[in-house]
C-alpha atoms as a PDB file:
ATOM      1  CA  MET A   1     -53.957 127.066-117.464  1.00  0.00           C
ATOM      2  CA  ASN A   2     -51.647 129.027-119.485  1.00  0.00           C
ATOM      3  CA  CYS A   3     -47.833 128.522-117.711  1.00  0.00           C
ATOM      4  CA  VAL A   4     -45.504 131.545-119.343  1.00  0.00           C
ATOM      5  CA  ARG A   5     -42.006 130.514-118.301  1.00  0.00           C
ATOM      6  CA  PRO A   6     -39.703 133.624-116.930  1.00  0.00           C
ATOM      7  CA  ILE A   7     -37.184 135.061-119.397  1.00  0.00           C
ATOM      8  CA  SER A   8     -33.810 133.651-117.718  1.00  0.00           C
ATOM      9  CA  GLU A   9     -35.576 130.315-118.701  1.00  0.00           C
ATOM     10  CA  ARG A  10     -36.653 130.496-121.964  1.00  0.00           C
ATOM     11  CA  ARG A  11     -33.888 129.506-124.914  1.00  0.00           C
ATOM     12  CA  ARG A  12     -31.977 132.078-126.278  1.00  0.00           C
ATOM     13  CA  ARG A  13     -30.772 131.562-129.442  1.00  0.00           C
ATOM     14  CA  PRO A  14     -27.251 130.976-130.067  1.00  0.00           C
ATOM     15  CA  GLY A  15     -24.677 133.578-131.543  1.00  0.00           C
ATOM     16  CA  GLY A  16     -23.548 133.736-134.901  1.00  0.00           C
ATOM     17  CA  TYR A  17     -23.094 135.398-138.094  1.00  0.00           C
ATOM     18  CA  THR A  18     -26.051 134.667-141.012  1.00  0.00           C
ATOM     19  CA  LEU A  19     -24.798 133.777-144.406  1.00  0.00           C
ATOM     20  CA  ALA A  20     -25.392 137.293-145.748  1.00  0.00           C
ATOM     21  CA  GLU A  21     -23.328 138.716-143.249  1.00  0.00           C
ATOM     22  CA  THR A  22     -20.555 136.532-144.053  1.00  0.00           C
ATOM     23  CA  LEU A  23     -20.724 137.296-147.735  1.00  0.00           C
ATOM     24  CA  ALA A  24     -20.809 140.862-147.420  1.00  0.00           C
ATOM     25  CA  ALA A  25     -18.135 141.069-145.163  1.00  0.00           C
ATOM     26  CA  LEU A  26     -15.837 138.319-147.949  1.00  0.00           C
ATOM     27  CA  LEU A  27     -17.322 141.476-150.685  1.00  0.00           C
ATOM     28  CA  PHE A  28     -15.882 144.113-148.141  1.00  0.00           C
ATOM     29  CA  LEU A  29     -12.188 142.301-148.228  1.00  0.00           C
ATOM     30  CA  ALA A  30     -11.968 141.654-151.398  1.00  0.00           C
ATOM     31  CA  ILE A  31     -12.650 144.850-152.488  1.00  0.00           C
ATOM     32  CA  VAL A  32     -10.484 146.290-149.939  1.00  0.00           C
ATOM     33  CA  ILE A  33      -7.256 143.809-149.783  1.00  0.00           C
ATOM     34  CA  PRO A  34      -5.946 144.884-153.593  1.00  0.00           C
ATOM     35  CA  THR A  35      -6.748 148.767-152.940  1.00  0.00           C
ATOM     36  CA  VAL A  36      -4.199 148.408-150.106  1.00  0.00           C
ATOM     37  CA  VAL A  37      -1.892 146.373-151.479  1.00  0.00           C
ATOM     38  CA  GLU A  38      -1.649 148.610-154.461  1.00  0.00           C
ATOM     39  CA  ALA A  39      -1.374 151.474-152.094  1.00  0.00           C
ATOM     40  CA  LEU A  40       1.610 149.981-150.645  1.00  0.00           C
ATOM     41  CA  HIS A  41       3.453 149.285-153.565  1.00  0.00           C
ATOM     42  CA  LEU A  42       2.706 152.418-155.043  1.00  0.00           C
ATOM     43  CA  ALA A  43       3.912 154.304-151.318  1.00  0.00           C
ATOM     44  CA  GLY A  44       7.310 151.588-151.983  1.00  0.00           C
ATOM     45  CA  ARG A  45       8.172 153.153-155.311  1.00  0.00           C
ATOM     46  CA  ALA A  46       7.892 156.498-154.852  1.00  0.00           C
ATOM     47  CA  GLY A  47      10.375 155.891-151.465  1.00  0.00           C
ATOM     48  CA  THR A  48      12.912 154.232-153.692  1.00  0.00           C
ATOM     49  CA  VAL A  49      12.448 156.979-156.550  1.00  0.00           C
ATOM     50  CA  ALA A  50      12.884 159.819-154.008  1.00  0.00           C
ATOM     51  CA  GLU A  51      15.957 157.476-152.502  1.00  0.00           C
ATOM     52  CA  ARG A  52      18.069 157.384-155.525  1.00  0.00           C
ATOM     53  CA  ARG A  53      16.757 161.162-156.479  1.00  0.00           C
ATOM     54  CA  ALA A  54      18.940 162.265-153.576  1.00  0.00           C
ATOM     55  CA  VAL A  55      22.098 160.005-154.461  1.00  0.00           C
ATOM     56  CA  ALA A  56      21.614 161.277-157.876  1.00  0.00           C
ATOM     57  CA  ALA A  57      21.617 164.913-156.740  1.00  0.00           C
ATOM     58  CA  ARG A  58      24.601 164.383-154.503  1.00  0.00           C
ATOM     59  CA  ILE A  59      26.436 163.050-157.197  1.00  0.00           C
ATOM     60  CA  ALA A  60      25.704 165.900-159.285  1.00  0.00           C
ATOM     61  CA  GLU A  61      26.651 168.564-156.668  1.00  0.00           C
ATOM     62  CA  ARG A  62      30.078 166.685-156.598  1.00  0.00           C
ATOM     63  CA  MET A  63      30.624 166.582-160.058  1.00  0.00           C
ATOM     64  CA  LEU A  64      29.590 170.378-160.010  1.00  0.00           C
ATOM     65  CA  ASN A  65      32.213 171.071-157.427  1.00  0.00           C
ATOM     66  CA  GLU A  66      34.808 168.915-159.141  1.00  0.00           C
ATOM     67  CA  SER A  67      34.627 171.081-162.420  1.00  0.00           C
ATOM     68  CA  ILE A  68      34.170 174.625-160.281  1.00  0.00           C
ATOM     69  CA  VAL A  69      37.143 173.596-159.639  1.00  0.00           C
ATOM     70  CA  PHE A  70      39.125 172.305-162.449  1.00  0.00           C
ATOM     71  CA  THR A  71      36.782 174.798-164.833  1.00  0.00           C
ATOM     72  CA  ASN A  72      39.898 176.685-166.080  1.00  0.00           C
ATOM     73  CA  GLN A  73      41.908 173.423-167.350  1.00  0.00           C
ATOM     74  CA  VAL A  74      39.084 171.271-168.407  1.00  0.00           C
ATOM     75  CA  SER A  75      36.860 172.685-171.469  1.00  0.00           C
ATOM     76  CA  GLY A  76      34.084 170.578-173.373  1.00  0.00           C
ATOM     77  CA  ASN A  77      31.833 167.922-171.387  1.00  0.00           C
ATOM     78  CA  ARG A  78      32.888 165.260-168.800  1.00  0.00           C
ATOM     79  CA  SER A  79      30.988 162.066-168.133  1.00  0.00           C
ATOM     80  CA  GLY A  80      31.491 158.809-166.499  1.00  0.00           C
ATOM     81  CA  VAL A  81      29.565 156.386-164.525  1.00  0.00           C
ATOM     82  CA  VAL A  82      29.016 156.070-160.227  1.00  0.00           C
ATOM     83  CA  SER A  83      28.364 152.983-158.527  1.00  0.00           C
ATOM     84  CA  GLU A  84      26.867 153.820-155.336  1.00  0.00           C
ATOM     85  CA  GLY A  85      25.154 150.406-153.800  1.00  0.00           C
ATOM     86  CA  ASN A  86      24.061 148.162-156.510  1.00  0.00           C
ATOM     87  CA  HIS A  87      22.813 150.762-158.261  1.00  0.00           C
ATOM     88  CA  ASP A  88      24.480 152.712-161.654  1.00  0.00           C
ATOM     89  CA  TYR A  89      24.446 156.598-162.189  1.00  0.00           C
ATOM     90  CA  ALA A  90      25.634 157.727-165.388  1.00  0.00           C
ATOM     91  CA  TRP A  91      26.517 161.587-165.153  1.00  0.00           C
ATOM     92  CA  THR A  92      27.377 164.564-167.866  1.00  0.00           C
ATOM     93  CA  VAL A  93      29.215 167.835-166.658  1.00  0.00           C
ATOM     94  CA  THR A  94      28.967 170.112-169.615  1.00  0.00           C
ATOM     95  CA  ARG A  95      30.327 173.312-169.964  1.00  0.00           C
ATOM     96  CA  GLN A  96      28.937 176.903-172.191  1.00  0.00           C
ATOM     97  CA  ASN A  97      29.352 180.181-171.716  1.00  0.00           C
ATOM     98  CA  TRP A  98      26.423 182.096-170.182  1.00  0.00           C
ATOM     99  CA  LEU A  99      24.641 184.633-172.390  1.00  0.00           C
ATOM    100  CA  THR A 100      27.189 186.733-173.065  1.00  0.00           C
ATOM    101  CA  THR A 101      29.725 187.180-170.807  1.00  0.00           C
ATOM    102  CA  PRO A 102      32.620 185.051-170.072  1.00  0.00           C
ATOM    103  CA  LEU A 103      30.917 183.206-167.029  1.00  0.00           C
ATOM    104  CA  PRO A 104      30.609 179.607-168.042  1.00  0.00           C
ATOM    105  CA  LEU A 105      27.427 178.158-166.949  1.00  0.00           C
ATOM    106  CA  LEU A 106      28.324 174.066-165.683  1.00  0.00           C
ATOM    107  CA  ALA A 107      25.221 172.078-166.071  1.00  0.00           C
ATOM    108  CA  ALA A 108      25.502 168.324-164.901  1.00  0.00           C
ATOM    109  CA  GLU A 109      23.012 165.343-165.571  1.00  0.00           C
ATOM    110  CA  VAL A 110      22.689 162.173-163.534  1.00  0.00           C
ATOM    111  CA  GLN A 111      20.788 159.647-164.957  1.00  0.00           C
ATOM    112  CA  PHE A 112      19.380 156.438-163.312  1.00  0.00           C
ATOM    113  CA  THR A 113      16.604 153.402-163.411  1.00  0.00           C
ATOM    114  CA  VAL A 114      14.163 152.882-160.922  1.00  0.00           C
ATOM    115  CA  GLN A 115      12.089 149.706-161.551  1.00  0.00           C
ATOM    116  CA  GLY A 116      12.756 149.987-165.444  1.00  0.00           C
ATOM    117  CA  GLN A 117      11.582 153.364-165.572  1.00  0.00           C
ATOM    118  CA  ALA A 118      14.534 155.709-166.761  1.00  0.00           C
ATOM    119  CA  SER A 119      14.447 159.122-164.552  1.00  0.00           C
ATOM    120  CA  SER A 120      17.297 162.131-163.732  1.00  0.00           C
ATOM    121  CA  VAL A 121      18.299 164.857-161.660  1.00  0.00           C
ATOM    122  CA  GLN A 122      19.575 168.469-163.361  1.00  0.00           C
ATOM    123  CA  LEU A 123      21.724 170.775-161.428  1.00  0.00           C
ATOM    124  CA  SER A 124      23.481 173.968-162.855  1.00  0.00           C
ATOM    125  CA  THR A 125      25.559 176.656-161.649  1.00  0.00           C
ATOM    126  CA  VAL A 126      27.713 179.505-162.858  1.00  0.00           C
ATOM    127  CA  GLY A 127      31.750 179.246-162.694  1.00  0.00           C
ATOM    128  CA  THR A 128      34.320 181.839-162.600  1.00  0.00           C
ATOM    129  CA  PRO A 129      35.395 183.864-165.434  1.00  0.00           C
ATOM    130  CA  ILE A 130      37.623 182.382-167.825  1.00  0.00           C
ATOM    131  CA  PRO A 131      40.267 184.964-168.593  1.00  0.00           C
END
């Protein structure tokens, strides 16, 4: 006589992953992890550059405003260095005649470095007429 056991009494295979599944998961992680780390590095650098550009633009605007106030007393170029936090920002304000009118064109350039690479922000405006 043939003895058939009910399904509940049959031996079940223990759960787990095969070697092929484990190797596939490791290969997937080996590809994804370096990509994610590089993306995070680029995002952090972009944030740092944006922050430094904002500070440089604020410095350039301040120097232009000072140059507008003193445009009749000071001629030529002005330059200097401003320290904000642990970073130095070298600025230069140039004054030239704009087109053929006696209006001065004031241009400010602020230079700074981010992770070893030089960068700059430039702003310009027209000052009051020079008598």
